[in-house]
Amino acid sequence: SIDKDGSECLCGNKGCLELYCSATAFTET
């Protein structure tokens, strides 16, 4: 997690790096 107040990830954690830096996530951004 890089943001405790971030969006909820499919894994159940919040603010996971994957939500910001995967190719999929960055494309959407």
PDB file of all heavy atoms in Angstrom:
ATOM      1  N   SER A   1       0.835  -1.200   0.000  1.00  0.00           N
ATOM      2  CA  SER A   1       0.000   0.000   0.000  1.00  0.00           C
ATOM      3  C   SER A   1       0.871   1.252   0.000  1.00  0.00           C
ATOM      4  O   SER A   1       1.792   1.381   0.805  1.00  0.00           O
ATOM      5  CB  SER A   1      -0.914   0.021   1.230  1.00  0.00           C
ATOM      6  OG  SER A   1      -1.671   1.224   1.257  1.00  0.00           O
ATOM      7  N   ILE A   2       0.585   2.165  -0.924  1.00  0.00           N
ATOM      8  CA  ILE A   2       1.298   3.445  -0.947  1.00  0.00           C
ATOM      9  C   ILE A   2       0.362   4.593  -0.554  1.00  0.00           C
ATOM     10  O   ILE A   2       0.767   5.745  -0.541  1.00  0.00           O
ATOM     11  CB  ILE A   2       1.928   3.718  -2.328  1.00  0.00           C
ATOM     12  CG1 ILE A   2       0.872   3.862  -3.417  1.00  0.00           C
ATOM     13  CG2 ILE A   2       2.937   2.630  -2.688  1.00  0.00           C
ATOM     14  CD1 ILE A   2       1.418   4.390  -4.735  1.00  0.00           C
ATOM     15  N   ASP A   3      -0.903   4.251  -0.216  1.00  0.00           N
ATOM     16  CA  ASP A   3      -1.864   5.277   0.209  1.00  0.00           C
ATOM     17  C   ASP A   3      -2.937   4.624   1.068  1.00  0.00           C
ATOM     18  O   ASP A   3      -3.828   3.955   0.545  1.00  0.00           O
ATOM     19  CB  ASP A   3      -2.488   5.954  -1.016  1.00  0.00           C
ATOM     20  CG  ASP A   3      -3.478   7.053  -0.643  1.00  0.00           C
ATOM     21  OD1 ASP A   3      -3.627   7.339   0.564  1.00  0.00           O
ATOM     22  OD2 ASP A   3      -4.100   7.626  -1.551  1.00  0.00           O
ATOM     23  N   LYS A   4      -2.855   4.843   2.361  1.00  0.00           N
ATOM     24  CA  LYS A   4      -3.820   4.194   3.266  1.00  0.00           C
ATOM     25  C   LYS A   4      -5.249   4.683   3.032  1.00  0.00           C
ATOM     26  O   LYS A   4      -6.215   4.005   3.402  1.00  0.00           O
ATOM     27  CB  LYS A   4      -3.427   4.430   4.724  1.00  0.00           C
ATOM     28  CG  LYS A   4      -3.538   5.863   5.207  1.00  0.00           C
ATOM     29  CD  LYS A   4      -3.113   5.993   6.649  1.00  0.00           C
ATOM     30  CE  LYS A   4      -3.187   7.448   7.123  1.00  0.00           C
ATOM     31  NZ  LYS A   4      -4.547   8.007   7.055  1.00  0.00           N
ATOM     32  N   ASP A   5      -5.395   5.843   2.404  1.00  0.00           N
ATOM     33  CA  ASP A   5      -6.717   6.384   2.107  1.00  0.00           C
ATOM     34  C   ASP A   5      -7.119   6.166   0.653  1.00  0.00           C
ATOM     35  O   ASP A   5      -8.087   6.759   0.174  1.00  0.00           O
ATOM     36  CB  ASP A   5      -6.748   7.888   2.421  1.00  0.00           C
ATOM     37  CG  ASP A   5      -6.484   8.180   3.887  1.00  0.00           C
ATOM     38  OD1 ASP A   5      -7.050   7.467   4.735  1.00  0.00           O
ATOM     39  OD2 ASP A   5      -5.702   9.102   4.181  1.00  0.00           O
ATOM     40  N   GLY A   6      -6.368   5.326  -0.038  1.00  0.00           N
ATOM     41  CA  GLY A   6      -6.629   5.089  -1.448  1.00  0.00           C
ATOM     42  C   GLY A   6      -7.812   4.183  -1.693  1.00  0.00           C
ATOM     43  O   GLY A   6      -8.479   3.701  -0.763  1.00  0.00           O
ATOM     44  N   SER A   7      -8.076   3.919  -2.962  1.00  0.00           N
ATOM     45  CA  SER A   7      -9.187   3.042  -3.348  1.00  0.00           C
ATOM     46  C   SER A   7      -8.937   1.620  -2.869  1.00  0.00           C
ATOM     47  O   SER A   7      -7.792   1.208  -2.659  1.00  0.00           O
ATOM     48  CB  SER A   7      -9.345   3.044  -4.875  1.00  0.00           C
ATOM     49  OG  SER A   7      -9.600   4.343  -5.343  1.00  0.00           O
ATOM     50  N   GLU A   8     -10.018   0.870  -2.705  1.00  0.00           N
ATOM     51  CA  GLU A   8      -9.892  -0.532  -2.270  1.00  0.00           C
ATOM     52  C   GLU A   8      -9.497  -1.402  -3.458  1.00  0.00           C
ATOM     53  O   GLU A   8     -10.067  -1.302  -4.543  1.00  0.00           O
ATOM     54  CB  GLU A   8     -11.193  -1.028  -1.658  1.00  0.00           C
ATOM     55  CG  GLU A   8     -11.059  -2.417  -1.043  1.00  0.00           C
ATOM     56  CD  GLU A   8     -12.241  -2.802  -0.177  1.00  0.00           C
ATOM     57  OE1 GLU A   8     -12.742  -1.926   0.572  1.00  0.00           O
ATOM     58  OE2 GLU A   8     -12.680  -3.964  -0.255  1.00  0.00           O
ATOM     59  N   CYS A   9      -8.496  -2.238  -3.241  1.00  0.00           N
ATOM     60  CA  CYS A   9      -8.007  -3.149  -4.273  1.00  0.00           C
ATOM     61  C   CYS A   9      -8.791  -4.460  -4.220  1.00  0.00           C
ATOM     62  O   CYS A   9      -9.426  -4.785  -3.206  1.00  0.00           O
ATOM     63  CB  CYS A   9      -6.511  -3.400  -4.036  1.00  0.00           C
ATOM     64  SG  CYS A   9      -5.730  -4.483  -5.246  1.00  0.00           S
ATOM     65  N   LEU A  10      -8.740  -5.232  -5.304  1.00  0.00           N
ATOM     66  CA  LEU A  10      -9.397  -6.542  -5.324  1.00  0.00           C
ATOM     67  C   LEU A  10      -8.844  -7.475  -4.252  1.00  0.00           C
ATOM     68  O   LEU A  10      -9.526  -8.395  -3.812  1.00  0.00           O
ATOM     69  CB  LEU A  10      -9.229  -7.197  -6.707  1.00  0.00           C
ATOM     70  CG  LEU A  10     -10.043  -6.599  -7.853  1.00  0.00           C
ATOM     71  CD1 LEU A  10      -9.631  -7.236  -9.169  1.00  0.00           C
ATOM     72  CD2 LEU A  10     -11.533  -6.801  -7.613  1.00  0.00           C
ATOM     73  N   CYS A  11      -7.605  -7.215  -3.829  1.00  0.00           N
ATOM     74  CA  CYS A  11      -6.994  -8.071  -2.809  1.00  0.00           C
ATOM     75  C   CYS A  11      -7.565  -7.790  -1.422  1.00  0.00           C
ATOM     76  O   CYS A  11      -7.336  -8.554  -0.484  1.00  0.00           O
ATOM     77  CB  CYS A  11      -5.473  -7.895  -2.793  1.00  0.00           C
ATOM     78  SG  CYS A  11      -4.913  -6.345  -2.039  1.00  0.00           S
ATOM     79  N   GLY A  12      -8.298  -6.663  -1.263  1.00  0.00           N
ATOM     80  CA  GLY A  12      -8.864  -6.300   0.028  1.00  0.00           C
ATOM     81  C   GLY A  12      -8.108  -5.182   0.718  1.00  0.00           C
ATOM     82  O   GLY A  12      -8.615  -4.575   1.666  1.00  0.00           O
ATOM     83  N   ASN A  13      -6.889  -4.904   0.256  1.00  0.00           N
ATOM     84  CA  ASN A  13      -6.099  -3.821   0.827  1.00  0.00           C
ATOM     85  C   ASN A  13      -6.516  -2.490   0.193  1.00  0.00           C
ATOM     86  O   ASN A  13      -7.270  -2.463  -0.779  1.00  0.00           O
ATOM     87  CB  ASN A  13      -4.613  -4.092   0.555  1.00  0.00           C
ATOM     88  CG  ASN A  13      -3.693  -3.309   1.470  1.00  0.00           C
ATOM     89  OD1 ASN A  13      -4.144  -2.555   2.336  1.00  0.00           O
ATOM     90  ND2 ASN A  13      -2.398  -3.484   1.284  1.00  0.00           N
ATOM     91  N   LYS A  14      -6.029  -1.389   0.732  1.00  0.00           N
ATOM     92  CA  LYS A  14      -6.331  -0.069   0.172  1.00  0.00           C
ATOM     93  C   LYS A  14      -5.061   0.574  -0.368  1.00  0.00           C
ATOM     94  O   LYS A  14      -3.991   0.451   0.216  1.00  0.00           O
ATOM     95  CB  LYS A  14      -6.947   0.839   1.235  1.00  0.00           C
ATOM     96  CG  LYS A  14      -8.411   0.557   1.525  1.00  0.00           C
ATOM     97  CD  LYS A  14      -8.983   1.640   2.424  1.00  0.00           C
ATOM     98  CE  LYS A  14     -10.490   1.442   2.593  1.00  0.00           C
ATOM     99  NZ  LYS A  14     -11.083   2.546   3.420  1.00  0.00           N
ATOM    100  N   GLY A  15      -5.190   1.285  -1.480  1.00  0.00           N
ATOM    101  CA  GLY A  15      -4.083   2.065  -2.028  1.00  0.00           C
ATOM    102  C   GLY A  15      -2.912   1.244  -2.515  1.00  0.00           C
ATOM    103  O   GLY A  15      -1.765   1.691  -2.447  1.00  0.00           O
ATOM    104  N   CYS A  16      -3.155   0.051  -3.055  1.00  0.00           N
ATOM    105  CA  CYS A  16      -2.072  -0.812  -3.529  1.00  0.00           C
ATOM    106  C   CYS A  16      -1.337  -0.173  -4.704  1.00  0.00           C
ATOM    107  O   CYS A  16      -1.933   0.504  -5.548  1.00  0.00           O
ATOM    108  CB  CYS A  16      -2.615  -2.172  -3.972  1.00  0.00           C
ATOM    109  SG  CYS A  16      -3.117  -3.214  -2.596  1.00  0.00           S
ATOM    110  N   LEU A  17      -0.034  -0.427  -4.774  1.00  0.00           N
ATOM    111  CA  LEU A  17       0.797   0.074  -5.863  1.00  0.00           C
ATOM    112  C   LEU A  17       0.205  -0.287  -7.222  1.00  0.00           C
ATOM    113  O   LEU A  17       0.255   0.511  -8.163  1.00  0.00           O
ATOM    114  CB  LEU A  17       2.210  -0.498  -5.724  1.00  0.00           C
ATOM    115  CG  LEU A  17       3.247  -0.055  -6.752  1.00  0.00           C
ATOM    116  CD1 LEU A  17       3.522   1.432  -6.638  1.00  0.00           C
ATOM    117  CD2 LEU A  17       4.539  -0.856  -6.578  1.00  0.00           C
ATOM    118  N   GLU A  18      -0.365  -1.471  -7.338  1.00  0.00           N
ATOM    119  CA  GLU A  18      -0.951  -1.940  -8.594  1.00  0.00           C
ATOM    120  C   GLU A  18      -2.055  -0.999  -9.095  1.00  0.00           C
ATOM    121  O   GLU A  18      -2.262  -0.870 -10.305  1.00  0.00           O
ATOM    122  CB  GLU A  18      -1.509  -3.352  -8.400  1.00  0.00           C
ATOM    123  CG  GLU A  18      -2.144  -3.956  -9.644  1.00  0.00           C
ATOM    124  CD  GLU A  18      -2.524  -5.417  -9.453  1.00  0.00           C
ATOM    125  OE1 GLU A  18      -1.612  -6.263  -9.437  1.00  0.00           O
ATOM    126  OE2 GLU A  18      -3.728  -5.712  -9.300  1.00  0.00           O
ATOM    127  N   LEU A  19      -2.757  -0.346  -8.171  1.00  0.00           N
ATOM    128  CA  LEU A  19      -3.857   0.539  -8.549  1.00  0.00           C
ATOM    129  C   LEU A  19      -3.371   1.826  -9.206  1.00  0.00           C
ATOM    130  O   LEU A  19      -4.160   2.578  -9.787  1.00  0.00           O
ATOM    131  CB  LEU A  19      -4.688   0.898  -7.312  1.00  0.00           C
ATOM    132  CG  LEU A  19      -5.392  -0.256  -6.603  1.00  0.00           C
ATOM    133  CD1 LEU A  19      -6.110   0.251  -5.358  1.00  0.00           C
ATOM    134  CD2 LEU A  19      -6.378  -0.945  -7.539  1.00  0.00           C
ATOM    135  N   TYR A  20      -2.056   2.096  -9.133  1.00  0.00           N
ATOM    136  CA  TYR A  20      -1.502   3.328  -9.659  1.00  0.00           C
ATOM    137  C   TYR A  20      -0.492   3.094 -10.791  1.00  0.00           C
ATOM    138  O   TYR A  20      -0.378   3.925 -11.690  1.00  0.00           O
ATOM    139  CB  TYR A  20      -0.803   4.117  -8.540  1.00  0.00           C
ATOM    140  CG  TYR A  20      -1.710   4.423  -7.369  1.00  0.00           C
ATOM    141  CD1 TYR A  20      -1.811   3.538  -6.301  1.00  0.00           C
ATOM    142  CD2 TYR A  20      -2.472   5.580  -7.342  1.00  0.00           C
ATOM    143  CE1 TYR A  20      -2.655   3.812  -5.232  1.00  0.00           C
ATOM    144  CE2 TYR A  20      -3.320   5.868  -6.279  1.00  0.00           C
ATOM    145  CZ  TYR A  20      -3.413   4.966  -5.218  1.00  0.00           C
ATOM    146  OH  TYR A  20      -4.249   5.230  -4.173  1.00  0.00           O
ATOM    147  N   CYS A  21       0.228   1.982 -10.724  1.00  0.00           N
ATOM    148  CA  CYS A  21       1.387   1.838 -11.604  1.00  0.00           C
ATOM    149  C   CYS A  21       1.360   0.647 -12.551  1.00  0.00           C
ATOM    150  O   CYS A  21       2.311   0.463 -13.322  1.00  0.00           O
ATOM    151  CB  CYS A  21       2.665   1.787 -10.761  1.00  0.00           C
ATOM    152  SG  CYS A  21       2.991   3.345  -9.910  1.00  0.00           S
ATOM    153  N   SER A  22       0.333  -0.184 -12.516  1.00  0.00           N
ATOM    154  CA  SER A  22       0.235  -1.206 -13.564  1.00  0.00           C
ATOM    155  C   SER A  22      -0.043  -0.500 -14.879  1.00  0.00           C
ATOM    156  O   SER A  22      -0.500   0.655 -14.901  1.00  0.00           O
ATOM    157  CB  SER A  22      -0.901  -2.187 -13.252  1.00  0.00           C
ATOM    158  OG  SER A  22      -2.161  -1.532 -13.337  1.00  0.00           O
ATOM    159  N   ALA A  23       0.235  -1.160 -15.996  1.00  0.00           N
ATOM    160  CA  ALA A  23      -0.065  -0.560 -17.299  1.00  0.00           C
ATOM    161  C   ALA A  23      -1.559  -0.271 -17.420  1.00  0.00           C
ATOM    162  O   ALA A  23      -1.966   0.764 -17.970  1.00  0.00           O
ATOM    163  CB  ALA A  23       0.390  -1.499 -18.417  1.00  0.00           C
ATOM    164  N   THR A  24      -2.375  -1.172 -16.870  1.00  0.00           N
ATOM    165  CA  THR A  24      -3.825  -0.991 -16.909  1.00  0.00           C
ATOM    166  C   THR A  24      -4.242   0.267 -16.163  1.00  0.00           C
ATOM    167  O   THR A  24      -5.008   1.097 -16.667  1.00  0.00           O
ATOM    168  CB  THR A  24      -4.533  -2.209 -16.286  1.00  0.00           C
ATOM    169  OG1 THR A  24      -4.143  -3.386 -16.982  1.00  0.00           O
ATOM    170  CG2 THR A  24      -6.040  -2.060 -16.349  1.00  0.00           C
ATOM    171  N   ALA A  25      -3.706   0.432 -14.939  1.00  0.00           N
ATOM    172  CA  ALA A  25      -4.080   1.577 -14.109  1.00  0.00           C
ATOM    173  C   ALA A  25      -3.589   2.889 -14.703  1.00  0.00           C
ATOM    174  O   ALA A  25      -4.327   3.881 -14.746  1.00  0.00           O
ATOM    175  CB  ALA A  25      -3.514   1.398 -12.702  1.00  0.00           C
ATOM    176  N   PHE A  26      -2.343   2.890 -15.183  1.00  0.00           N
ATOM    177  CA  PHE A  26      -1.795   4.123 -15.725  1.00  0.00           C
ATOM    178  C   PHE A  26      -2.508   4.524 -17.023  1.00  0.00           C
ATOM    179  O   PHE A  26      -2.713   5.706 -17.296  1.00  0.00           O
ATOM    180  CB  PHE A  26      -0.290   3.989 -15.950  1.00  0.00           C
ATOM    181  CG  PHE A  26       0.396   5.291 -16.259  1.00  0.00           C
ATOM    182  CD1 PHE A  26       0.103   6.431 -15.534  1.00  0.00           C
ATOM    183  CD2 PHE A  26       1.334   5.374 -17.274  1.00  0.00           C
ATOM    184  CE1 PHE A  26       0.730   7.646 -15.819  1.00  0.00           C
ATOM    185  CE2 PHE A  26       1.969   6.576 -17.567  1.00  0.00           C
ATOM    186  CZ  PHE A  26       1.666   7.718 -16.838  1.00  0.00           C
ATOM    187  N   THR A  27      -2.901   3.523 -17.800  1.00  0.00           N
ATOM    188  CA  THR A  27      -3.679   3.796 -19.018  1.00  0.00           C
ATOM    189  C   THR A  27      -4.977   4.521 -18.666  1.00  0.00           C
ATOM    190  O   THR A  27      -5.348   5.515 -19.315  1.00  0.00           O
ATOM    191  CB  THR A  27      -3.998   2.481 -19.761  1.00  0.00           C
ATOM    192  OG1 THR A  27      -2.778   1.904 -20.226  1.00  0.00           O
ATOM    193  CG2 THR A  27      -4.924   2.724 -20.945  1.00  0.00           C
ATOM    194  N   GLU A  28      -5.678   4.028 -17.642  1.00  0.00           N
ATOM    195  CA  GLU A  28      -6.936   4.660 -17.229  1.00  0.00           C
ATOM    196  C   GLU A  28      -6.704   6.073 -16.703  1.00  0.00           C
ATOM    197  O   GLU A  28      -7.514   6.974 -16.953  1.00  0.00           O
ATOM    198  CB  GLU A  28      -7.629   3.794 -16.160  1.00  0.00           C
ATOM    199  CG  GLU A  28      -8.204   2.493 -16.695  1.00  0.00           C
ATOM    200  CD  GLU A  28      -9.143   2.726 -17.882  1.00  0.00           C
ATOM    201  OE1 GLU A  28     -10.074   3.560 -17.752  1.00  0.00           O
ATOM    202  OE2 GLU A  28      -8.939   2.101 -18.944  1.00  0.00           O
ATOM    203  N   THR A  29      -5.593   6.274 -15.992  1.00  0.00           N
ATOM    204  CA  THR A  29      -5.275   7.602 -15.475  1.00  0.00           C
ATOM    205  C   THR A  29      -5.031   8.582 -16.628  1.00  0.00           C
ATOM    206  O   THR A  29      -5.503   9.723 -16.604  1.00  0.00           O
ATOM    207  CB  THR A  29      -4.024   7.548 -14.576  1.00  0.00           C
ATOM    208  OG1 THR A  29      -4.275   6.652 -13.490  1.00  0.00           O
ATOM    209  CG2 THR A  29      -3.684   8.917 -14.017  1.00  0.00           C
TER     210      THR A  29
END
